């Protein structure tokens, strides 16, 4: 299952990362929440942001981490990273990742020490997972575990953290993977569900990062 129907598998143009640019100011130690139009845009854009860091020699590949909500997002992000020239490997449970590649890991995994962390898929319904949204005891316990895992990701001792979510998805996809939504819009004849960031972000209170539009993020990175 792809994060977005047809567009999720479309290749990322290498020209997206061909423009020489200085390391973007918005990516220097600033905790930001980047809003993308779709799941496909999110994985492509985050991979492009990581490519900028590597191109500008800001970090080495193994100093970059990508936290994802599930295996599907991990695979899609790994594909986008490959297209953008970012060496990245998916860390399986209990596995020690390669020391020469960026690591993609489940957000519930133990804390990983990386210089740059991109927390991908911070959309309600993915974080917390659907299994953690019920009213039964097991669901509440799962949500508390996931809340604690998210708190570890955004802990203040991390050098650089970028949170990321997508605000729209095809209604069929949203229904399939149980993303909650209250309204829809139609664009080019396609019905899209309007989505929100995970409530874990609103629970950050004063520490909640500033929301940055995807075009702003890409522009600051010299990618559009």
C-alpha atoms as a PDB file:
ATOM      1  CA  UNK A   1       0.000   0.000   0.000  1.00  0.00           C
ATOM      2  CA  UNK A   2       1.482   3.353  -1.005  1.00  0.00           C
ATOM      3  CA  UNK A   3       1.042   6.536   1.033  1.00  0.00           C
ATOM      4  CA  UNK A   4      -0.631   8.205  -1.977  1.00  0.00           C
ATOM      5  CA  UNK A   5      -2.250   6.383  -4.845  1.00  0.00           C
ATOM      6  CA  UNK A   6      -0.569   7.078  -8.186  1.00  0.00           C
ATOM      7  CA  UNK A   7       1.702   9.931  -7.122  1.00  0.00           C
ATOM      8  CA  UNK A   8       3.457   8.048  -4.323  1.00  0.00           C
ATOM      9  CA  UNK A   9       5.374   5.942  -6.806  1.00  0.00           C
ATOM     10  CA  UNK A  10       6.298   8.725  -9.193  1.00  0.00           C
ATOM     11  CA  UNK A  11      10.049   9.403  -9.220  1.00  0.00           C
ATOM     12  CA  UNK A  12      11.494  12.532  -7.681  1.00  0.00           C
ATOM     13  CA  UNK A  13      13.172  14.673 -10.280  1.00  0.00           C
ATOM     14  CA  UNK A  14      16.888  14.934  -9.662  1.00  0.00           C
ATOM     15  CA  UNK A  15      16.624  18.537 -10.808  1.00  0.00           C
ATOM     16  CA  UNK A  16      14.805  19.225  -7.522  1.00  0.00           C
ATOM     17  CA  UNK A  17      18.148  19.021  -5.729  1.00  0.00           C
ATOM     18  CA  UNK A  18      20.419  20.369  -8.434  1.00  0.00           C
ATOM     19  CA  UNK A  19      20.373  24.028  -7.407  1.00  0.00           C
ATOM     20  CA  UNK A  20      23.398  24.958  -5.323  1.00  0.00           C
ATOM     21  CA  UNK A  21      22.298  26.567  -2.070  1.00  0.00           C
ATOM     22  CA  UNK A  22      23.683  27.408   1.317  1.00  0.00           C
ATOM     23  CA  UNK A  23      22.385  25.439   4.261  1.00  0.00           C
ATOM     24  CA  UNK A  24      18.917  26.932   4.836  1.00  0.00           C
ATOM     25  CA  UNK A  25      18.527  29.149   7.856  1.00  0.00           C
ATOM     26  CA  UNK A  26      15.190  27.523   8.662  1.00  0.00           C
ATOM     27  CA  UNK A  27      16.963  24.196   9.100  1.00  0.00           C
ATOM     28  CA  UNK A  28      19.679  25.381  11.515  1.00  0.00           C
ATOM     29  CA  UNK A  29      18.658  24.226  14.941  1.00  0.00           C
ATOM     30  CA  UNK A  30      15.085  25.479  14.552  1.00  0.00           C
ATOM     31  CA  UNK A  31      12.380  23.023  15.535  1.00  0.00           C
ATOM     32  CA  UNK A  32       9.763  23.407  12.808  1.00  0.00           C
ATOM     33  CA  UNK A  33       6.546  21.691  11.758  1.00  0.00           C
ATOM     34  CA  UNK A  34       6.441  21.398   7.966  1.00  0.00           C
ATOM     35  CA  UNK A  35       3.003  21.108   6.365  1.00  0.00           C
ATOM     36  CA  UNK A  36       2.774  19.176   3.084  1.00  0.00           C
ATOM     37  CA  UNK A  37      -0.137  18.828   0.693  1.00  0.00           C
ATOM     38  CA  UNK A  38       0.026  15.023   0.397  1.00  0.00           C
ATOM     39  CA  UNK A  39       1.875  11.950   1.667  1.00  0.00           C
ATOM     40  CA  UNK A  40       3.845  11.739  -1.576  1.00  0.00           C
ATOM     41  CA  UNK A  41       4.902  15.389  -1.313  1.00  0.00           C
ATOM     42  CA  UNK A  42       5.999  14.787   2.256  1.00  0.00           C
ATOM     43  CA  UNK A  43       8.359  11.889   1.608  1.00  0.00           C
ATOM     44  CA  UNK A  44       9.849  13.560  -1.472  1.00  0.00           C
ATOM     45  CA  UNK A  45      10.308  16.892   0.280  1.00  0.00           C
ATOM     46  CA  UNK A  46      11.875  15.460   3.419  1.00  0.00           C
ATOM     47  CA  UNK A  47      14.302  13.391   1.349  1.00  0.00           C
ATOM     48  CA  UNK A  48      15.187  16.548  -0.573  1.00  0.00           C
ATOM     49  CA  UNK A  49      15.810  18.419   2.688  1.00  0.00           C
ATOM     50  CA  UNK A  50      18.198  15.705   3.834  1.00  0.00           C
ATOM     51  CA  UNK A  51      19.974  15.879   0.482  1.00  0.00           C
ATOM     52  CA  UNK A  52      20.619  19.584   1.064  1.00  0.00           C
ATOM     53  CA  UNK A  53      22.277  18.882   4.403  1.00  0.00           C
ATOM     54  CA  UNK A  54      24.566  16.322   2.791  1.00  0.00           C
ATOM     55  CA  UNK A  55      25.339  18.460  -0.245  1.00  0.00           C
ATOM     56  CA  UNK A  56      26.355  21.350   1.985  1.00  0.00           C
ATOM     57  CA  UNK A  57      28.490  19.018   4.131  1.00  0.00           C
ATOM     58  CA  UNK A  58      26.497  20.015   7.212  1.00  0.00           C
ATOM     59  CA  UNK A  59      26.358  16.387   8.388  1.00  0.00           C
ATOM     60  CA  UNK A  60      27.431  12.902   7.423  1.00  0.00           C
ATOM     61  CA  UNK A  61      24.756  10.410   6.343  1.00  0.00           C
ATOM     62  CA  UNK A  62      24.824   8.457   9.608  1.00  0.00           C
ATOM     63  CA  UNK A  63      24.081  11.674  11.526  1.00  0.00           C
ATOM     64  CA  UNK A  64      20.617  11.913   9.930  1.00  0.00           C
ATOM     65  CA  UNK A  65      17.613  10.021  11.267  1.00  0.00           C
ATOM     66  CA  UNK A  66      14.091   9.656   9.915  1.00  0.00           C
ATOM     67  CA  UNK A  67      11.353   8.601  12.322  1.00  0.00           C
ATOM     68  CA  UNK A  68       8.287   7.148  10.590  1.00  0.00           C
ATOM     69  CA  UNK A  69       4.855   5.900  11.737  1.00  0.00           C
ATOM     70  CA  UNK A  70       4.999   2.470  10.098  1.00  0.00           C
ATOM     71  CA  UNK A  71       6.722   0.158   7.636  1.00  0.00           C
ATOM     72  CA  UNK A  72       4.885   1.553   4.610  1.00  0.00           C
ATOM     73  CA  UNK A  73       6.186   5.037   5.261  1.00  0.00           C
ATOM     74  CA  UNK A  74       9.673   3.640   5.858  1.00  0.00           C
ATOM     75  CA  UNK A  75       9.736   1.956   2.454  1.00  0.00           C
ATOM     76  CA  UNK A  76       8.385   5.015   0.636  1.00  0.00           C
ATOM     77  CA  UNK A  77      10.911   7.281   2.345  1.00  0.00           C
ATOM     78  CA  UNK A  78      13.781   4.915   1.570  1.00  0.00           C
ATOM     79  CA  UNK A  79      12.780   5.004  -2.111  1.00  0.00           C
ATOM     80  CA  UNK A  80      12.644   8.814  -2.110  1.00  0.00           C
ATOM     81  CA  UNK A  81      16.040   9.010  -0.387  1.00  0.00           C
ATOM     82  CA  UNK A  82      17.556   6.722  -3.018  1.00  0.00           C
ATOM     83  CA  UNK A  83      16.309   8.974  -5.808  1.00  0.00           C
ATOM     84  CA  UNK A  84      17.722  12.037  -4.036  1.00  0.00           C
ATOM     85  CA  UNK A  85      21.114  10.383  -3.532  1.00  0.00           C
ATOM     86  CA  UNK A  86      20.733  10.019   0.240  1.00  0.00           C
ATOM     87  CA  UNK A  87      22.079   6.728   1.574  1.00  0.00           C
ATOM     88  CA  UNK A  88      19.461   5.482   4.016  1.00  0.00           C
ATOM     89  CA  UNK A  89      18.669   2.119   5.554  1.00  0.00           C
ATOM     90  CA  UNK A  90      15.568   0.895   7.357  1.00  0.00           C
ATOM     91  CA  UNK A  91      16.385  -0.244  10.884  1.00  0.00           C
ATOM     92  CA  UNK A  92      14.487  -3.349  11.841  1.00  0.00           C
ATOM     93  CA  UNK A  93      13.504  -3.963  15.453  1.00  0.00           C
ATOM     94  CA  UNK A  94      16.597  -4.515  17.586  1.00  0.00           C
ATOM     95  CA  UNK A  95      18.930  -4.042  14.638  1.00  0.00           C
ATOM     96  CA  UNK A  96      22.024  -1.841  14.719  1.00  0.00           C
ATOM     97  CA  UNK A  97      21.923   0.366  11.600  1.00  0.00           C
ATOM     98  CA  UNK A  98      24.777   0.758   9.164  1.00  0.00           C
ATOM     99  CA  UNK A  99      27.298   3.331  10.314  1.00  0.00           C
ATOM    100  CA  UNK A 100      27.569   4.908   6.854  1.00  0.00           C
ATOM    101  CA  UNK A 101      23.899   5.574   6.099  1.00  0.00           C
ATOM    102  CA  UNK A 102      21.029   7.634   7.422  1.00  0.00           C
ATOM    103  CA  UNK A 103      18.670   5.540   9.490  1.00  0.00           C
ATOM    104  CA  UNK A 104      14.899   5.177   9.054  1.00  0.00           C
ATOM    105  CA  UNK A 105      13.172   3.832  12.138  1.00  0.00           C
ATOM    106  CA  UNK A 106       9.750   3.416  13.714  1.00  0.00           C
ATOM    107  CA  UNK A 107       8.854   6.325  16.000  1.00  0.00           C
ATOM    108  CA  UNK A 108       8.180   3.863  18.821  1.00  0.00           C
ATOM    109  CA  UNK A 109      11.722   2.472  18.669  1.00  0.00           C
ATOM    110  CA  UNK A 110      14.274   3.299  21.390  1.00  0.00           C
ATOM    111  CA  UNK A 111      15.901   6.699  21.128  1.00  0.00           C
ATOM    112  CA  UNK A 112      18.612   7.036  18.486  1.00  0.00           C
ATOM    113  CA  UNK A 113      21.347   9.603  18.758  1.00  0.00           C
ATOM    114  CA  UNK A 114      21.450  11.555  15.510  1.00  0.00           C
ATOM    115  CA  UNK A 115      22.421  15.125  14.706  1.00  0.00           C
ATOM    116  CA  UNK A 116      19.378  15.780  12.498  1.00  0.00           C
ATOM    117  CA  UNK A 117      16.040  14.095  13.067  1.00  0.00           C
ATOM    118  CA  UNK A 118      13.101  14.309  10.666  1.00  0.00           C
ATOM    119  CA  UNK A 119       9.899  13.039  12.294  1.00  0.00           C
ATOM    120  CA  UNK A 120       7.775  12.091   9.295  1.00  0.00           C
ATOM    121  CA  UNK A 121       4.047  11.339   9.220  1.00  0.00           C
ATOM    122  CA  UNK A 122       2.987  13.453  12.215  1.00  0.00           C
ATOM    123  CA  UNK A 123      -0.608  13.247  10.991  1.00  0.00           C
ATOM    124  CA  UNK A 124      -3.504  12.360  13.275  1.00  0.00           C
ATOM    125  CA  UNK A 125      -4.330   8.714  12.635  1.00  0.00           C
ATOM    126  CA  UNK A 126      -0.727   7.744  12.008  1.00  0.00           C
ATOM    127  CA  UNK A 127       0.550   9.134  15.313  1.00  0.00           C
ATOM    128  CA  UNK A 128      -0.971   7.743  17.444  1.00  0.00           C
ATOM    129  CA  UNK A 129      -1.706   4.658  15.405  1.00  0.00           C
ATOM    130  CA  UNK A 130      -5.289   3.555  14.804  1.00  0.00           C
ATOM    131  CA  UNK A 131      -4.801   0.747  17.337  1.00  0.00           C
ATOM    132  CA  UNK A 132      -4.153   3.348  20.029  1.00  0.00           C
ATOM    133  CA  UNK A 133      -7.285   5.460  19.537  1.00  0.00           C
ATOM    134  CA  UNK A 134      -9.945   3.296  21.165  1.00  0.00           C
ATOM    135  CA  UNK A 135     -11.487   3.694  24.605  1.00  0.00           C
ATOM    136  CA  UNK A 136     -10.530   0.277  25.910  1.00  0.00           C
ATOM    137  CA  UNK A 137      -7.711  -0.278  28.367  1.00  0.00           C
ATOM    138  CA  UNK A 138      -5.308  -1.723  25.789  1.00  0.00           C
ATOM    139  CA  UNK A 139      -5.812   1.236  23.426  1.00  0.00           C
ATOM    140  CA  UNK A 140      -5.264   3.770  26.186  1.00  0.00           C
ATOM    141  CA  UNK A 141      -2.096   1.995  27.267  1.00  0.00           C
ATOM    142  CA  UNK A 142      -0.829   1.934  23.668  1.00  0.00           C
ATOM    143  CA  UNK A 143      -1.505   5.645  23.288  1.00  0.00           C
ATOM    144  CA  UNK A 144       0.420   6.437  26.469  1.00  0.00           C
ATOM    145  CA  UNK A 145       3.356   4.411  25.191  1.00  0.00           C
ATOM    146  CA  UNK A 146       3.250   6.249  21.878  1.00  0.00           C
ATOM    147  CA  UNK A 147       2.918   9.607  23.610  1.00  0.00           C
ATOM    148  CA  UNK A 148       6.064   8.822  25.600  1.00  0.00           C
ATOM    149  CA  UNK A 149       7.839   7.725  22.412  1.00  0.00           C
ATOM    150  CA  UNK A 150       6.933  10.991  20.693  1.00  0.00           C
ATOM    151  CA  UNK A 151       8.162  12.949  23.725  1.00  0.00           C
ATOM    152  CA  UNK A 152      11.531  11.213  23.419  1.00  0.00           C
ATOM    153  CA  UNK A 153      11.741  12.266  19.782  1.00  0.00           C
ATOM    154  CA  UNK A 154      11.184  15.955  20.530  1.00  0.00           C
ATOM    155  CA  UNK A 155      13.212  16.088  23.743  1.00  0.00           C
ATOM    156  CA  UNK A 156      15.107  19.327  24.174  1.00  0.00           C
ATOM    157  CA  UNK A 157      18.504  17.647  24.211  1.00  0.00           C
ATOM    158  CA  UNK A 158      18.320  16.868  20.488  1.00  0.00           C
ATOM    159  CA  UNK A 159      20.356  19.272  18.307  1.00  0.00           C
ATOM    160  CA  UNK A 160      17.946  19.541  15.359  1.00  0.00           C
ATOM    161  CA  UNK A 161      14.399  18.271  14.968  1.00  0.00           C
ATOM    162  CA  UNK A 162      12.011  18.849  12.056  1.00  0.00           C
ATOM    163  CA  UNK A 163       8.443  17.578  12.417  1.00  0.00           C
ATOM    164  CA  UNK A 164       6.448  16.881   9.276  1.00  0.00           C
ATOM    165  CA  UNK A 165       2.835  16.080   8.391  1.00  0.00           C
ATOM    166  CA  UNK A 166       0.544  16.006   5.360  1.00  0.00           C
ATOM    167  CA  UNK A 167      -2.701  17.969   5.409  1.00  0.00           C
ATOM    168  CA  UNK A 168      -4.589  16.213   2.624  1.00  0.00           C
ATOM    169  CA  UNK A 169      -4.985  12.689   1.268  1.00  0.00           C
ATOM    170  CA  UNK A 170      -7.256  10.931  -1.178  1.00  0.00           C
ATOM    171  CA  UNK A 171     -10.475  10.075   0.679  1.00  0.00           C
ATOM    172  CA  UNK A 172     -10.155   6.419  -0.320  1.00  0.00           C
ATOM    173  CA  UNK A 173      -6.676   6.272   1.209  1.00  0.00           C
ATOM    174  CA  UNK A 174      -7.774   8.121   4.346  1.00  0.00           C
ATOM    175  CA  UNK A 175     -10.627   5.661   4.833  1.00  0.00           C
ATOM    176  CA  UNK A 176      -8.412   2.679   4.099  1.00  0.00           C
ATOM    177  CA  UNK A 177      -5.795   3.527   6.723  1.00  0.00           C
ATOM    178  CA  UNK A 178      -8.314   5.086   9.138  1.00  0.00           C
ATOM    179  CA  UNK A 179      -7.189   8.706   9.098  1.00  0.00           C
ATOM    180  CA  UNK A 180      -9.831  10.844  10.854  1.00  0.00           C
ATOM    181  CA  UNK A 181     -11.209  13.852   8.978  1.00  0.00           C
ATOM    182  CA  UNK A 182     -14.201  16.166   9.300  1.00  0.00           C
ATOM    183  CA  UNK A 183     -14.381  17.689   5.856  1.00  0.00           C
ATOM    184  CA  UNK A 184     -13.339  17.070   2.280  1.00  0.00           C
ATOM    185  CA  UNK A 185     -12.464  19.215  -0.708  1.00  0.00           C
ATOM    186  CA  UNK A 186     -12.467  18.436  -4.401  1.00  0.00           C
ATOM    187  CA  UNK A 187      -9.444  19.229  -6.534  1.00  0.00           C
ATOM    188  CA  UNK A 188      -9.190  18.303 -10.216  1.00  0.00           C
ATOM    189  CA  UNK A 189     -12.106  15.969  -9.743  1.00  0.00           C
ATOM    190  CA  UNK A 190     -10.475  14.113  -6.839  1.00  0.00           C
ATOM    191  CA  UNK A 191     -12.063  14.079  -3.387  1.00  0.00           C
ATOM    192  CA  UNK A 192      -9.471  14.858  -0.709  1.00  0.00           C
ATOM    193  CA  UNK A 193      -9.753  14.469   3.048  1.00  0.00           C
ATOM    194  CA  UNK A 194      -8.523  17.437   5.104  1.00  0.00           C
ATOM    195  CA  UNK A 195      -6.238  16.189   7.869  1.00  0.00           C
ATOM    196  CA  UNK A 196      -4.637  17.610  10.999  1.00  0.00           C
ATOM    197  CA  UNK A 197      -1.321  17.192  12.824  1.00  0.00           C
ATOM    198  CA  UNK A 198      -1.174  14.629  15.595  1.00  0.00           C
ATOM    199  CA  UNK A 199      -2.557  15.879  18.897  1.00  0.00           C
ATOM    200  CA  UNK A 200       0.811  14.975  20.397  1.00  0.00           C
ATOM    201  CA  UNK A 201       2.058  18.233  18.856  1.00  0.00           C
ATOM    202  CA  UNK A 202      -0.641  20.379  20.468  1.00  0.00           C
ATOM    203  CA  UNK A 203       0.276  18.753  23.776  1.00  0.00           C
ATOM    204  CA  UNK A 204       3.753  20.260  23.466  1.00  0.00           C
ATOM    205  CA  UNK A 205       2.317  23.567  24.672  1.00  0.00           C
ATOM    206  CA  UNK A 206       4.816  26.431  24.517  1.00  0.00           C
ATOM    207  CA  UNK A 207       7.369  24.092  22.975  1.00  0.00           C
ATOM    208  CA  UNK A 208       5.159  23.519  19.923  1.00  0.00           C
ATOM    209  CA  UNK A 209       7.184  24.430  16.822  1.00  0.00           C
ATOM    210  CA  UNK A 210       6.210  27.020  14.258  1.00  0.00           C
ATOM    211  CA  UNK A 211       4.342  25.639  11.251  1.00  0.00           C
ATOM    212  CA  UNK A 212       6.199  26.153   7.969  1.00  0.00           C
ATOM    213  CA  UNK A 213       4.569  25.624   4.580  1.00  0.00           C
ATOM    214  CA  UNK A 214       6.179  23.128   2.250  1.00  0.00           C
ATOM    215  CA  UNK A 215       6.985  25.772  -0.359  1.00  0.00           C
ATOM    216  CA  UNK A 216       8.756  27.853   2.281  1.00  0.00           C
ATOM    217  CA  UNK A 217      10.725  24.804   3.427  1.00  0.00           C
ATOM    218  CA  UNK A 218      11.775  23.927  -0.136  1.00  0.00           C
ATOM    219  CA  UNK A 219      12.528  27.550  -1.032  1.00  0.00           C
ATOM    220  CA  UNK A 220      14.764  27.999   1.990  1.00  0.00           C
ATOM    221  CA  UNK A 221      16.539  24.798   1.010  1.00  0.00           C
ATOM    222  CA  UNK A 222      17.108  26.142  -2.510  1.00  0.00           C
ATOM    223  CA  UNK A 223      14.858  23.482  -4.041  1.00  0.00           C
ATOM    224  CA  UNK A 224      12.254  25.606  -5.812  1.00  0.00           C
END
